Amino acid sequence: MKLTILGCHSATPRINTHPTSQVLEIKNRTFLIDCGEGTQVQLRRNKVKFSRIKHIFISHLHGDHYFGLIGLISTFRLLTREADLHIYAPKGLKSLVTMQMKLSDSWTNYKLIFHELTSKVSELIYEDECTEVYTIPLDHRVYTNGFLFKEKENERRLDINKATDANIDVAYFRKLKQGFDVENEDGVLIKNEEVTYPGPKPLSYAFCSDTAYKEAIVPIIKNVDVIYHESTFLESHQHLASSTKHSTAKQAAKIAQQAHARTLVLGHYSTRYNDLEPFRVEAKEVFNGHIELAESNAVFSF
């Protein structure tokens, strides 16, 4: 599982700070999460292939999380994209994007498929043979979701020696990895667990975008491997977090600790802070796991 941070600051972009956007690569899938202003430039800078992006997830309709979307959609058109593009976003974004394309007479030459989100409870919004994505209802000034990405169970690992000793034809090895019992060449049913052992533990990633402190999300993200949680403010500005429905680094750490997360990635910093290390220091007071500080162009492998 690989996470590339394209941008992780709040509000207005600057030369070295970019609004929220990130790329998650999991099970050979490439997901774009949020699309703040300048996202396509950051994709270029980080050598992310545009053609691999088939699913975009937008947390909410504040500009620093989606203003880069119409530019990216337009660039895909100029590059003569043919593959469908799915966008999972709050209801209203489809109307915004459609109006922009209508007024500029810039309709896409590929299918643009919107999945409009309105539910205030967690729901499954994407699934394929390897991955599932669920919404994480958050508490912000407008309707907002985070997203939980989960690998499905991995294939079991085959013990070649045991399978050979059990006189199982090699043609059945694939079914064994998929968890099935099979008959050997003598017609005897061999139990799967006798010749295989569990595959790698499935990984999970929770993206918690702009939100006030909300313990209600903990059951949704319980035992998550990695959580990105917004930490717009330090404790000295907690009054601002309350009034704007954002979180502090310590509040993000409390959520990660309660969820038993392995790794916490902090981000969405207010540009009032020049030094990010105090965010890690405050989070460490609460969270016992590993802590990473998101920065533009940072790449994490889990």
Protein backbone atom coordinates (compact mmCIF):
# COMPACT_ATOMS: atom_id res chain seq x y z
CA MET A 1 0.00 0.00 0.00
CA LYS A 2 1.53 3.27 -1.15
CA LEU A 3 0.33 6.78 -0.26
CA THR A 4 1.53 9.85 -2.17
CA ILE A 5 0.71 13.22 -0.63
CA LEU A 6 0.07 15.77 -3.39
CA GLY A 7 -1.12 18.43 -0.96
CA CYS A 8 -1.91 18.56 2.75
CA HIS A 9 -2.44 22.17 3.80
CA SER A 10 -5.70 23.99 4.41
CA ALA A 11 -7.21 27.03 2.74
CA THR A 12 -5.15 29.07 0.28
CA PRO A 13 -2.30 27.45 -1.69
CA ARG A 14 1.21 28.91 -1.53
CA ILE A 15 4.43 28.19 -3.42
CA ASN A 16 5.39 25.30 -1.14
CA THR A 17 2.03 24.39 0.38
CA HIS A 18 -0.74 22.77 -1.61
CA PRO A 19 -4.40 22.05 -0.73
CA THR A 20 -5.61 18.53 -0.05
CA SER A 21 -5.09 15.78 -2.57
CA GLN A 22 -3.46 12.38 -2.38
CA VAL A 23 -3.02 9.18 -4.34
CA LEU A 24 -3.54 5.76 -2.77
CA GLU A 25 -2.17 2.71 -4.58
CA ILE A 26 -3.57 -0.53 -3.20
CA LYS A 27 -3.88 -3.94 -4.86
CA ASN A 28 -2.65 -2.49 -8.16
CA ARG A 29 -5.46 0.11 -8.08
CA THR A 30 -4.80 3.85 -8.14
CA PHE A 31 -7.31 6.03 -6.30
CA LEU A 32 -7.26 9.84 -6.24
CA ILE A 33 -8.60 11.25 -2.96
CA ASP A 34 -9.69 14.89 -3.04
CA CYS A 35 -8.56 17.23 -5.78
CA GLY A 36 -7.56 20.66 -4.53
CA GLU A 37 -6.29 23.42 -6.78
CA GLY A 38 -3.15 22.41 -8.69
CA THR A 39 -3.66 18.67 -8.29
CA GLN A 40 -2.82 17.85 -11.92
CA VAL A 41 0.50 19.71 -11.64
CA GLN A 42 1.31 17.74 -8.50
CA LEU A 43 0.39 14.50 -10.28
CA ARG A 44 2.91 15.39 -12.98
CA ARG A 45 5.54 16.30 -10.42
CA ASN A 46 5.11 12.93 -8.71
CA LYS A 47 5.03 11.01 -12.00
CA VAL A 48 1.58 9.56 -11.42
CA LYS A 49 0.17 8.30 -14.72
CA PHE A 50 -3.12 9.98 -15.54
CA SER A 51 -4.35 6.86 -17.31
CA ARG A 52 -4.23 4.86 -14.06
CA ILE A 53 -6.75 7.14 -12.36
CA LYS A 54 -10.21 5.70 -12.87
CA HIS A 55 -11.82 6.54 -9.53
CA ILE A 56 -11.80 9.90 -7.72
CA PHE A 57 -13.18 10.39 -4.22
CA ILE A 58 -14.16 13.92 -3.10
CA SER A 59 -14.80 14.42 0.62
CA HIS A 60 -16.78 17.67 0.54
CA LEU A 61 -17.53 20.77 -1.48
CA HIS A 62 -15.11 23.26 0.02
CA GLY A 63 -12.87 24.59 -2.72
CA ASP A 64 -9.54 23.45 -1.30
CA HIS A 65 -10.77 19.89 -1.77
CA TYR A 66 -12.19 20.00 -5.30
CA PHE A 67 -11.20 23.17 -7.21
CA GLY A 68 -8.61 21.16 -9.18
CA LEU A 69 -11.19 18.71 -10.50
CA ILE A 70 -12.51 20.57 -13.55
CA GLY A 71 -8.95 21.25 -14.71
CA LEU A 72 -8.07 17.58 -14.40
CA ILE A 73 -11.23 16.51 -16.22
CA SER A 74 -10.45 19.00 -19.02
CA THR A 75 -6.86 17.79 -19.32
CA PHE A 76 -8.06 14.20 -19.61
CA ARG A 77 -10.24 15.37 -22.51
CA LEU A 78 -7.32 17.12 -24.24
CA LEU A 79 -5.26 13.96 -23.88
CA THR A 80 -8.07 12.06 -25.70
CA ARG A 81 -8.84 9.85 -22.75
CA GLU A 82 -11.21 6.98 -23.54
CA ALA A 83 -11.54 5.14 -20.22
CA ASP A 84 -14.53 5.84 -17.96
CA LEU A 85 -13.92 8.15 -15.00
CA HIS A 86 -15.92 7.56 -11.80
CA ILE A 87 -16.31 10.38 -9.29
CA TYR A 88 -17.70 9.70 -5.80
CA ALA A 89 -18.74 12.99 -4.22
CA PRO A 90 -21.47 14.83 -2.32
CA LYS A 91 -24.61 15.62 -4.26
CA GLY A 92 -24.13 18.94 -6.06
CA LEU A 93 -20.71 18.39 -7.58
CA LYS A 94 -22.20 16.86 -10.71
CA SER A 95 -24.23 20.04 -11.28
CA LEU A 96 -21.17 22.23 -10.74
CA VAL A 97 -18.97 20.32 -13.17
CA THR A 98 -21.73 19.90 -15.76
CA MET A 99 -22.41 23.66 -15.76
CA GLN A 100 -18.73 24.44 -16.28
CA MET A 101 -18.50 22.04 -19.21
CA LYS A 102 -21.76 23.34 -20.68
CA LEU A 103 -20.74 27.01 -20.58
CA SER A 104 -17.33 26.27 -22.08
CA ASP A 105 -18.70 23.75 -24.60
CA SER A 106 -16.09 21.27 -23.36
CA TRP A 107 -17.94 17.99 -23.06
CA THR A 108 -15.72 15.01 -22.39
CA ASN A 109 -15.05 12.38 -25.04
CA TYR A 110 -15.08 9.72 -22.29
CA LYS A 111 -17.79 8.67 -19.85
CA LEU A 112 -17.89 10.84 -16.73
CA ILE A 113 -19.86 8.89 -14.13
CA PHE A 114 -20.90 10.60 -10.90
CA HIS A 115 -21.84 8.66 -7.78
CA GLU A 116 -23.64 11.23 -5.67
CA LEU A 117 -23.39 10.76 -1.91
CA THR A 118 -26.10 11.83 0.53
CA SER A 119 -26.12 9.21 3.30
CA LYS A 120 -25.18 10.26 6.82
CA VAL A 121 -24.33 6.69 7.80
CA SER A 122 -21.39 4.66 6.52
CA GLU A 123 -22.07 2.85 3.24
CA LEU A 124 -20.19 0.74 0.72
CA ILE A 125 -19.63 2.89 -2.38
CA TYR A 126 -17.06 0.90 -4.37
CA GLU A 127 -16.17 -2.76 -4.64
CA ASP A 128 -14.17 -4.96 -6.97
CA GLU A 129 -12.61 -8.40 -6.57
CA CYS A 130 -9.77 -7.03 -4.42
CA THR A 131 -10.91 -3.84 -2.69
CA GLU A 132 -13.81 -2.19 -0.88
CA VAL A 133 -14.39 1.50 -0.12
CA TYR A 134 -16.76 2.76 2.58
CA THR A 135 -17.76 6.28 3.54
CA ILE A 136 -16.86 7.68 6.97
CA PRO A 137 -19.48 10.32 7.92
CA LEU A 138 -17.66 13.32 9.40
CA ASP A 139 -18.67 16.50 11.22
CA HIS A 140 -17.80 19.65 9.28
CA ARG A 141 -19.55 22.86 8.24
CA VAL A 142 -20.94 21.15 5.12
CA TYR A 143 -21.82 17.53 4.32
CA THR A 144 -18.51 15.66 4.49
CA ASN A 145 -17.28 12.09 4.23
CA GLY A 146 -13.99 10.41 4.85
CA PHE A 147 -13.22 7.16 3.04
CA LEU A 148 -12.14 3.73 4.31
CA PHE A 149 -10.21 1.62 1.80
CA LYS A 150 -9.98 -2.08 2.64
CA GLU A 151 -8.23 -4.95 0.95
CA LYS A 152 -10.27 -8.12 0.74
CA GLU A 153 -8.83 -11.33 2.12
CA ASN A 154 -5.60 -12.27 0.37
CA GLU A 155 -5.08 -15.67 -1.25
CA ARG A 156 -3.82 -18.40 1.03
CA ARG A 157 -0.23 -19.49 0.71
CA LEU A 158 0.41 -22.99 -0.59
CA ASP A 159 2.77 -25.38 1.15
CA ILE A 160 4.20 -27.06 -1.95
CA ASN A 161 5.76 -29.93 -0.05
CA LYS A 162 2.53 -30.80 1.78
CA ALA A 163 0.48 -30.49 -1.41
CA THR A 164 2.90 -32.79 -3.23
CA ASP A 165 2.93 -35.31 -0.37
CA ALA A 166 -0.89 -35.27 -0.42
CA ASN A 167 -0.77 -36.32 -4.09
CA ILE A 168 -2.68 -33.24 -5.30
CA ASP A 169 -2.47 -32.49 -9.02
CA VAL A 170 -0.82 -29.14 -9.79
CA ALA A 171 -3.97 -28.12 -11.68
CA TYR A 172 -5.73 -27.71 -8.32
CA PHE A 173 -3.09 -25.48 -6.74
CA ARG A 174 -4.97 -22.34 -7.77
CA LYS A 175 -8.17 -23.53 -6.09
CA LEU A 176 -6.23 -24.30 -2.94
CA LYS A 177 -4.90 -20.73 -2.85
CA GLN A 178 -8.48 -19.53 -3.19
CA GLY A 179 -9.43 -21.49 -0.06
CA PHE A 180 -11.19 -24.52 -1.55
CA ASP A 181 -10.87 -28.14 -0.48
CA VAL A 182 -9.86 -30.41 -3.41
CA GLU A 183 -9.68 -34.09 -4.25
CA ASN A 184 -6.26 -35.63 -4.75
CA GLU A 185 -5.40 -38.08 -7.51
CA ASP A 186 -6.69 -40.94 -5.36
CA GLY A 187 -10.11 -39.35 -5.03
CA VAL A 188 -9.57 -38.37 -1.38
CA LEU A 189 -10.87 -34.95 -0.29
CA ILE A 190 -8.00 -32.89 1.11
CA LYS A 191 -8.91 -30.11 3.54
CA ASN A 192 -7.54 -26.74 2.52
CA GLU A 193 -5.98 -25.94 5.88
CA GLU A 194 -3.93 -29.16 5.70
CA VAL A 195 -1.82 -27.90 2.78
CA THR A 196 -2.07 -24.09 2.98
CA TYR A 197 -1.61 -21.34 5.52
CA PRO A 198 -3.07 -17.81 5.69
CA GLY A 199 -1.89 -15.19 3.22
CA PRO A 200 -0.71 -11.70 4.16
CA LYS A 201 -3.04 -9.72 6.41
CA PRO A 202 -5.30 -7.44 4.35
CA LEU A 203 -4.39 -3.77 4.70
CA SER A 204 -6.73 -0.84 5.32
CA TYR A 205 -6.48 2.94 5.04
CA ALA A 206 -8.82 5.57 6.50
CA PHE A 207 -8.86 9.08 5.05
CA CYS A 208 -10.50 11.45 7.53
CA SER A 209 -10.88 14.79 5.83
CA ASP A 210 -12.05 18.05 7.44
CA THR A 211 -13.91 17.27 10.63
CA ALA A 212 -14.45 18.25 14.21
CA TYR A 213 -13.50 15.65 16.80
CA LYS A 214 -16.00 12.81 16.33
CA GLU A 215 -15.70 9.61 18.36
CA ALA A 216 -18.66 8.09 16.51
CA ILE A 217 -16.37 7.19 13.58
CA VAL A 218 -14.19 4.89 15.71
CA PRO A 219 -16.27 1.70 15.20
CA ILE A 220 -16.11 2.22 11.42
CA ILE A 221 -12.30 2.42 11.37
CA LYS A 222 -11.53 -0.03 14.19
CA ASN A 223 -8.11 -1.72 13.79
CA VAL A 224 -7.27 0.26 10.67
CA ASP A 225 -3.65 -0.03 9.57
CA VAL A 226 -3.17 3.60 8.59
CA ILE A 227 -5.32 6.64 9.32
CA TYR A 228 -4.87 10.08 7.81
CA HIS A 229 -6.66 12.54 10.08
CA GLU A 230 -6.86 16.26 9.64
CA SER A 231 -4.98 18.26 12.29
CA THR A 232 -5.54 21.84 11.27
CA PHE A 233 -4.54 23.34 14.62
CA LEU A 234 -2.34 22.84 17.65
CA GLU A 235 -3.86 22.84 21.13
CA SER A 236 -3.07 26.53 21.59
CA HIS A 237 -5.65 27.27 18.89
CA GLN A 238 -8.25 24.73 20.00
CA HIS A 239 -10.87 27.49 20.18
CA LEU A 240 -10.43 27.97 16.42
CA ALA A 241 -10.83 24.24 15.83
CA SER A 242 -14.16 24.30 17.67
CA SER A 243 -15.54 27.32 15.84
CA THR A 244 -14.49 26.09 12.36
CA LYS A 245 -15.26 22.39 12.94
CA HIS A 246 -11.70 21.25 12.49
CA SER A 247 -9.45 19.10 14.71
CA THR A 248 -6.21 19.54 16.62
CA ALA A 249 -3.27 17.14 16.39
CA LYS A 250 -4.09 15.82 19.85
CA GLN A 251 -7.74 15.19 18.89
CA ALA A 252 -6.60 13.33 15.75
CA ALA A 253 -4.34 11.22 17.96
CA LYS A 254 -7.24 10.39 20.29
CA ILE A 255 -9.24 9.03 17.36
CA ALA A 256 -6.27 6.97 16.15
CA GLN A 257 -5.65 5.62 19.66
CA GLN A 258 -9.28 4.62 20.19
CA ALA A 259 -9.36 2.95 16.76
CA HIS A 260 -6.18 0.96 17.60
CA ALA A 261 -4.59 2.21 14.38
CA ARG A 262 -1.03 1.17 13.66
CA THR A 263 0.03 4.42 11.97
CA LEU A 264 -1.32 7.98 12.15
CA VAL A 265 -0.61 10.46 9.35
CA LEU A 266 -1.29 14.07 10.30
CA GLY A 267 -2.21 16.71 7.72
CA HIS A 268 -4.41 19.64 6.63
CA TYR A 269 -2.29 22.07 8.61
CA SER A 270 -3.23 25.72 8.91
CA THR A 271 -0.67 27.83 7.03
CA ARG A 272 -0.17 29.88 10.22
CA TYR A 273 2.37 27.24 11.31
CA ASN A 274 5.87 27.22 9.82
CA ASP A 275 7.13 24.28 11.90
CA LEU A 276 5.22 21.01 11.73
CA GLU A 277 7.17 19.09 14.38
CA PRO A 278 4.95 20.37 17.24
CA PHE A 279 2.05 18.47 15.61
CA ARG A 280 3.95 15.21 16.10
CA VAL A 281 4.90 16.17 19.66
CA GLU A 282 1.31 16.86 20.68
CA ALA A 283 0.00 13.72 18.99
CA LYS A 284 2.61 11.59 20.78
CA GLU A 285 1.13 12.60 24.12
CA VAL A 286 -1.93 10.52 23.23
CA PHE A 287 -1.12 8.02 20.46
CA ASN A 288 1.13 5.01 21.09
CA GLY A 289 1.58 3.99 17.45
CA HIS A 290 3.73 5.33 14.64
CA ILE A 291 3.21 8.97 13.61
CA GLU A 292 3.99 10.51 10.22
CA LEU A 293 3.73 14.15 9.20
CA ALA A 294 2.20 14.61 5.75
CA GLU A 295 4.08 17.02 3.50
CA SER A 296 3.63 17.83 -0.18
CA ASN A 297 5.31 15.19 -2.36
CA ALA A 298 5.90 12.83 0.56
CA VAL A 299 5.52 9.13 -0.26
CA PHE A 300 4.71 6.51 2.37
CA SER A 301 4.79 2.74 1.84
CA PHE A 302 2.96 0.54 4.32
